[in-house]
């Protein structure tokens, strides 16, 4: 089981965070909180700031202003402690294509200094979740896209992080593999893990406990999927309508219609 902290009601707290890359404002005064043991989804338009926000939480970059806490630890001043309790899988995860499935996961077991007594159990568990045990000797470069993503996830999970951060992990993956990937996430949630995931697929958004809709570097809305799609047939319709409302408001303000 994944141990949850008792120090804070939230696993992740983002408070008034902005990020500037030269003249570009990638995030504008973003705030959100993620309860422990939940799946929190980020959805929205391309370039909205989803990847930037996840990279901030994963301690890859620093905020220009604002604060972020993970399990009550400050991502700037306590970065090293945070790295021990998170798992981060970017859009392009760095598997070694010329190593086998088993060699890749052994490499990550080494990186995370997993004790020898626990290695076989963890390898069997996470490759078992991923349905990759029959393919131990297959080179990572010869795996399908979906299998590569599941191997990447298994490698990230071997040190059993409290917080799992995934940036569009199923983008371009076939529907069956996407479903299997989310089955793994559901298993990890049942074990107590907190998960933050960005996705381009709104059927995946429906599987989250809470969603944040991002557009133009801000969070337009954060709620449960059921609340966000209220009065609409689908979550997709609700999201499109909300974004169009905001864009129309910007045009009206600019041109004084």
Protein backbone atom coordinates (compact mmCIF):
# COMPACT_ATOMS: atom_id res chain seq x y z
CA UNK A 1 0.00 0.00 0.00
CA UNK A 2 1.10 3.59 -0.71
CA UNK A 3 1.39 5.53 2.55
CA UNK A 4 -0.53 8.80 2.55
CA UNK A 5 0.72 11.82 4.47
CA UNK A 6 -1.24 13.02 7.48
CA UNK A 7 0.39 16.47 7.45
CA UNK A 8 -1.95 18.02 4.88
CA UNK A 9 -5.42 17.30 3.51
CA UNK A 10 -3.95 17.63 0.01
CA UNK A 11 -1.19 15.71 -1.71
CA UNK A 12 -0.60 18.63 -4.11
CA UNK A 13 -1.21 22.32 -3.50
CA UNK A 14 -0.51 24.89 -6.22
CA UNK A 15 -0.92 28.47 -5.07
CA UNK A 16 -1.01 31.47 -7.44
CA UNK A 17 1.67 30.07 -9.73
CA UNK A 18 2.85 31.85 -12.87
CA UNK A 19 5.63 30.89 -15.27
CA UNK A 20 7.36 33.19 -17.77
CA UNK A 21 9.63 32.08 -20.60
CA UNK A 22 11.11 35.41 -21.71
CA UNK A 23 8.08 37.34 -23.01
CA UNK A 24 5.79 34.29 -23.02
CA UNK A 25 3.52 33.74 -20.03
CA UNK A 26 3.08 29.95 -19.94
CA UNK A 27 0.97 29.93 -16.76
CA UNK A 28 -1.02 32.79 -15.25
CA UNK A 29 -1.87 32.76 -11.54
CA UNK A 30 -2.81 29.07 -11.41
CA UNK A 31 -4.11 27.51 -8.20
CA UNK A 32 -5.36 23.98 -7.57
CA UNK A 33 -5.31 21.23 -4.98
CA UNK A 34 -5.25 17.45 -5.36
CA UNK A 35 -6.56 15.16 -2.65
CA UNK A 36 -4.47 12.14 -1.71
CA UNK A 37 -5.52 8.87 -3.34
CA UNK A 38 -7.36 10.57 -6.22
CA UNK A 39 -6.85 10.78 -9.97
CA UNK A 40 -6.68 14.43 -11.05
CA UNK A 41 -6.93 15.10 -14.79
CA UNK A 42 -5.77 18.08 -16.84
CA UNK A 43 -7.60 18.67 -20.12
CA UNK A 44 -7.78 21.55 -22.55
CA UNK A 45 -6.50 23.06 -25.74
CA UNK A 46 -3.01 22.53 -27.14
CA UNK A 47 -0.53 24.99 -25.65
CA UNK A 48 -2.80 25.69 -22.69
CA UNK A 49 -0.03 25.09 -20.14
CA UNK A 50 -0.78 21.50 -19.07
CA UNK A 51 2.75 20.18 -19.64
CA UNK A 52 4.28 23.24 -17.99
CA UNK A 53 2.14 22.74 -14.91
CA UNK A 54 3.07 19.06 -14.65
CA UNK A 55 6.77 19.84 -15.13
CA UNK A 56 6.54 22.35 -12.28
CA UNK A 57 4.96 19.78 -9.98
CA UNK A 58 7.61 17.25 -11.05
CA UNK A 59 10.31 19.78 -9.98
CA UNK A 60 11.68 19.99 -13.55
CA UNK A 61 11.28 23.78 -13.69
CA UNK A 62 10.75 26.52 -11.12
CA UNK A 63 7.76 28.86 -10.90
CA UNK A 64 8.33 32.53 -11.70
CA UNK A 65 5.98 33.30 -8.83
CA UNK A 66 3.74 31.38 -6.45
CA UNK A 67 4.32 28.23 -4.44
CA UNK A 68 3.81 24.48 -4.89
CA UNK A 69 3.69 21.90 -2.11
CA UNK A 70 3.75 18.12 -2.52
CA UNK A 71 2.96 16.13 0.60
CA UNK A 72 3.63 19.39 2.50
CA UNK A 73 7.10 19.74 0.91
CA UNK A 74 8.06 22.88 -1.03
CA UNK A 75 9.06 22.00 -4.62
CA UNK A 76 11.77 24.68 -4.70
CA UNK A 77 13.39 24.44 -1.27
CA UNK A 78 12.83 20.70 -0.67
CA UNK A 79 13.28 19.43 -4.22
CA UNK A 80 15.50 16.45 -3.36
CA UNK A 81 13.04 15.05 -0.81
CA UNK A 82 10.22 15.42 -3.33
CA UNK A 83 12.11 13.52 -6.02
CA UNK A 84 12.03 10.46 -3.75
CA UNK A 85 8.22 10.41 -3.51
CA UNK A 86 7.15 11.23 -7.08
CA UNK A 87 7.19 9.39 -10.38
CA UNK A 88 7.18 11.46 -13.57
CA UNK A 89 6.52 10.19 -17.08
CA UNK A 90 6.88 12.90 -19.75
CA UNK A 91 5.33 12.72 -23.21
CA UNK A 92 8.53 11.17 -24.56
CA UNK A 93 9.73 8.76 -21.93
CA UNK A 94 13.37 7.66 -22.17
CA UNK A 95 13.28 3.89 -22.64
CA UNK A 96 16.45 2.31 -23.95
CA UNK A 97 15.40 0.95 -27.34
CA UNK A 98 18.30 -1.51 -27.64
CA UNK A 99 17.66 -3.05 -24.20
CA UNK A 100 15.06 -5.72 -23.52
CA UNK A 101 11.94 -5.22 -21.43
CA UNK A 102 13.65 -6.88 -18.47
CA UNK A 103 16.88 -4.95 -18.92
CA UNK A 104 14.97 -1.65 -18.98
CA UNK A 105 13.12 -2.34 -15.75
CA UNK A 106 16.31 -3.69 -14.11
CA UNK A 107 17.99 -0.41 -15.03
CA UNK A 108 15.30 1.59 -13.22
CA UNK A 109 15.43 -0.74 -10.23
CA UNK A 110 19.13 0.15 -10.06
CA UNK A 111 18.49 3.89 -10.45
CA UNK A 112 15.99 3.88 -7.58
CA UNK A 113 18.24 1.68 -5.40
CA UNK A 114 15.53 -0.90 -4.80
CA UNK A 115 16.86 -3.55 -2.36
CA UNK A 116 17.66 -6.90 -3.97
CA UNK A 117 15.18 -8.69 -1.73
CA UNK A 118 12.31 -6.63 -3.22
CA UNK A 119 13.32 -6.59 -6.88
CA UNK A 120 11.70 -9.79 -8.13
CA UNK A 121 8.44 -8.98 -6.36
CA UNK A 122 8.28 -5.48 -7.83
CA UNK A 123 9.32 -6.60 -11.29
CA UNK A 124 6.66 -9.32 -11.32
CA UNK A 125 4.04 -6.93 -9.95
CA UNK A 126 4.49 -4.03 -12.36
CA UNK A 127 5.29 -6.03 -15.47
CA UNK A 128 2.35 -8.25 -14.51
CA UNK A 129 0.03 -5.24 -14.29
CA UNK A 130 1.34 -4.22 -17.69
CA UNK A 131 0.91 -7.68 -19.27
CA UNK A 132 4.60 -7.59 -20.23
CA UNK A 133 5.87 -10.68 -18.40
CA UNK A 134 5.65 -12.82 -21.60
CA UNK A 135 7.90 -10.29 -23.37
CA UNK A 136 10.87 -10.02 -21.00
CA UNK A 137 13.41 -10.71 -23.74
CA UNK A 138 11.87 -8.44 -26.39
CA UNK A 139 13.80 -5.29 -27.22
CA UNK A 140 11.99 -2.10 -26.20
CA UNK A 141 12.49 -0.81 -29.75
CA UNK A 142 10.44 -3.74 -31.07
CA UNK A 143 7.43 -3.10 -28.83
CA UNK A 144 4.21 -1.52 -30.08
CA UNK A 145 3.42 2.03 -29.02
CA UNK A 146 1.02 0.86 -26.34
CA UNK A 147 3.47 -1.68 -24.95
CA UNK A 148 6.22 0.94 -24.81
CA UNK A 149 3.98 3.23 -22.77
CA UNK A 150 3.09 0.42 -20.38
CA UNK A 151 6.76 -0.47 -19.97
CA UNK A 152 7.53 3.19 -19.31
CA UNK A 153 4.83 3.27 -16.65
CA UNK A 154 6.16 0.07 -15.04
CA UNK A 155 9.64 1.62 -14.88
CA UNK A 156 8.27 4.77 -13.22
CA UNK A 157 6.31 2.71 -10.68
CA UNK A 158 9.09 0.43 -9.41
CA UNK A 159 10.00 2.78 -6.55
CA UNK A 160 6.29 3.05 -5.62
CA UNK A 161 5.91 6.84 -5.55
CA UNK A 162 3.22 8.56 -3.52
CA UNK A 163 2.46 10.86 -6.47
CA UNK A 164 2.47 9.71 -10.10
CA UNK A 165 2.67 12.47 -12.75
CA UNK A 166 1.83 11.54 -16.35
CA UNK A 167 1.91 13.90 -19.34
CA UNK A 168 -0.46 12.63 -22.06
CA UNK A 169 0.76 9.04 -21.59
CA UNK A 170 -1.72 7.49 -24.04
CA UNK A 171 -1.44 10.03 -26.86
CA UNK A 172 -1.45 8.12 -30.16
CA UNK A 173 -1.96 4.75 -28.46
CA UNK A 174 -4.60 2.31 -29.74
CA UNK A 175 -7.92 2.09 -27.81
CA UNK A 176 -7.24 -1.36 -26.32
CA UNK A 177 -3.84 -0.31 -24.97
CA UNK A 178 -5.35 2.92 -23.64
CA UNK A 179 -7.93 0.90 -21.74
CA UNK A 180 -5.25 -1.41 -20.33
CA UNK A 181 -3.15 1.58 -19.31
CA UNK A 182 -6.05 3.05 -17.36
CA UNK A 183 -6.69 -0.31 -15.72
CA UNK A 184 -3.16 -0.04 -14.32
CA UNK A 185 -3.89 3.47 -13.03
CA UNK A 186 -7.09 2.22 -11.39
CA UNK A 187 -5.07 -0.49 -9.62
CA UNK A 188 -2.57 2.07 -8.37
CA UNK A 189 -5.36 4.34 -7.13
CA UNK A 190 -6.85 1.41 -5.19
CA UNK A 191 -3.46 1.00 -3.51
CA UNK A 192 -3.57 4.62 -2.37
CA UNK A 193 -1.44 6.34 -5.00
CA UNK A 194 -2.27 9.90 -6.05
CA UNK A 195 -2.19 10.43 -9.82
CA UNK A 196 -2.02 13.58 -11.92
CA UNK A 197 -2.48 13.05 -15.64
CA UNK A 198 -2.97 15.24 -18.68
CA UNK A 199 -4.93 13.74 -21.53
CA UNK A 200 -6.21 14.60 -24.99
CA UNK A 201 -9.00 12.03 -24.65
CA UNK A 202 -12.10 13.13 -22.81
CA UNK A 203 -13.29 9.56 -22.28
CA UNK A 204 -10.20 9.31 -20.05
CA UNK A 205 -11.23 12.55 -18.38
CA UNK A 206 -14.44 10.81 -17.33
CA UNK A 207 -12.33 8.34 -15.34
CA UNK A 208 -10.78 11.05 -13.18
CA UNK A 209 -12.06 12.02 -9.74
CA UNK A 210 -11.50 15.68 -10.58
CA UNK A 211 -10.69 17.63 -13.73
CA UNK A 212 -9.14 21.00 -14.46
CA UNK A 213 -9.92 22.60 -17.82
CA UNK A 214 -6.97 24.71 -19.04
CA UNK A 215 -6.92 27.28 -21.83
CA UNK A 216 -4.54 30.13 -22.62
CA UNK A 217 -2.35 29.43 -19.55
CA UNK A 218 -5.17 29.58 -17.00
CA UNK A 219 -7.56 27.14 -15.36
CA UNK A 220 -11.07 27.92 -16.56
CA UNK A 221 -12.80 25.43 -14.30
CA UNK A 222 -11.98 22.67 -11.83
CA UNK A 223 -14.59 20.19 -10.67
CA UNK A 224 -15.77 16.61 -11.05
CA UNK A 225 -16.46 15.34 -14.59
CA UNK A 226 -20.17 15.04 -13.74
CA UNK A 227 -20.43 18.68 -12.67
CA UNK A 228 -18.42 19.94 -15.64
CA UNK A 229 -20.64 18.20 -18.21
CA UNK A 230 -23.89 19.24 -16.47
CA UNK A 231 -26.53 20.32 -19.01
CA UNK A 232 -24.45 18.83 -21.85
CA UNK A 233 -24.68 15.43 -23.51
CA UNK A 234 -20.93 14.81 -23.33
CA UNK A 235 -17.89 16.19 -21.55
CA UNK A 236 -16.47 17.17 -24.95
CA UNK A 237 -19.45 19.41 -25.69
CA UNK A 238 -19.13 21.06 -22.29
CA UNK A 239 -15.41 21.73 -22.75
CA UNK A 240 -15.79 23.17 -26.26
CA UNK A 241 -18.62 25.45 -25.15
CA UNK A 242 -16.62 26.74 -22.18
CA UNK A 243 -13.53 27.49 -24.30
CA UNK A 244 -15.62 29.17 -27.01
CA UNK A 245 -17.29 31.38 -24.40
CA UNK A 246 -13.90 32.55 -23.14
CA UNK A 247 -12.49 33.15 -26.63
CA UNK A 248 -15.60 35.07 -27.69
CA UNK A 249 -15.32 37.21 -24.58
CA UNK A 250 -11.73 38.07 -25.46
CA UNK A 251 -12.73 39.05 -28.99
CA UNK A 252 -15.64 41.16 -27.72
CA UNK A 253 -13.38 42.94 -25.23
CA UNK A 254 -10.77 43.62 -27.92
CA UNK A 255 -13.11 44.88 -30.65
CA UNK A 256 -15.92 46.23 -28.43
CA UNK A 257 -18.70 44.34 -30.19
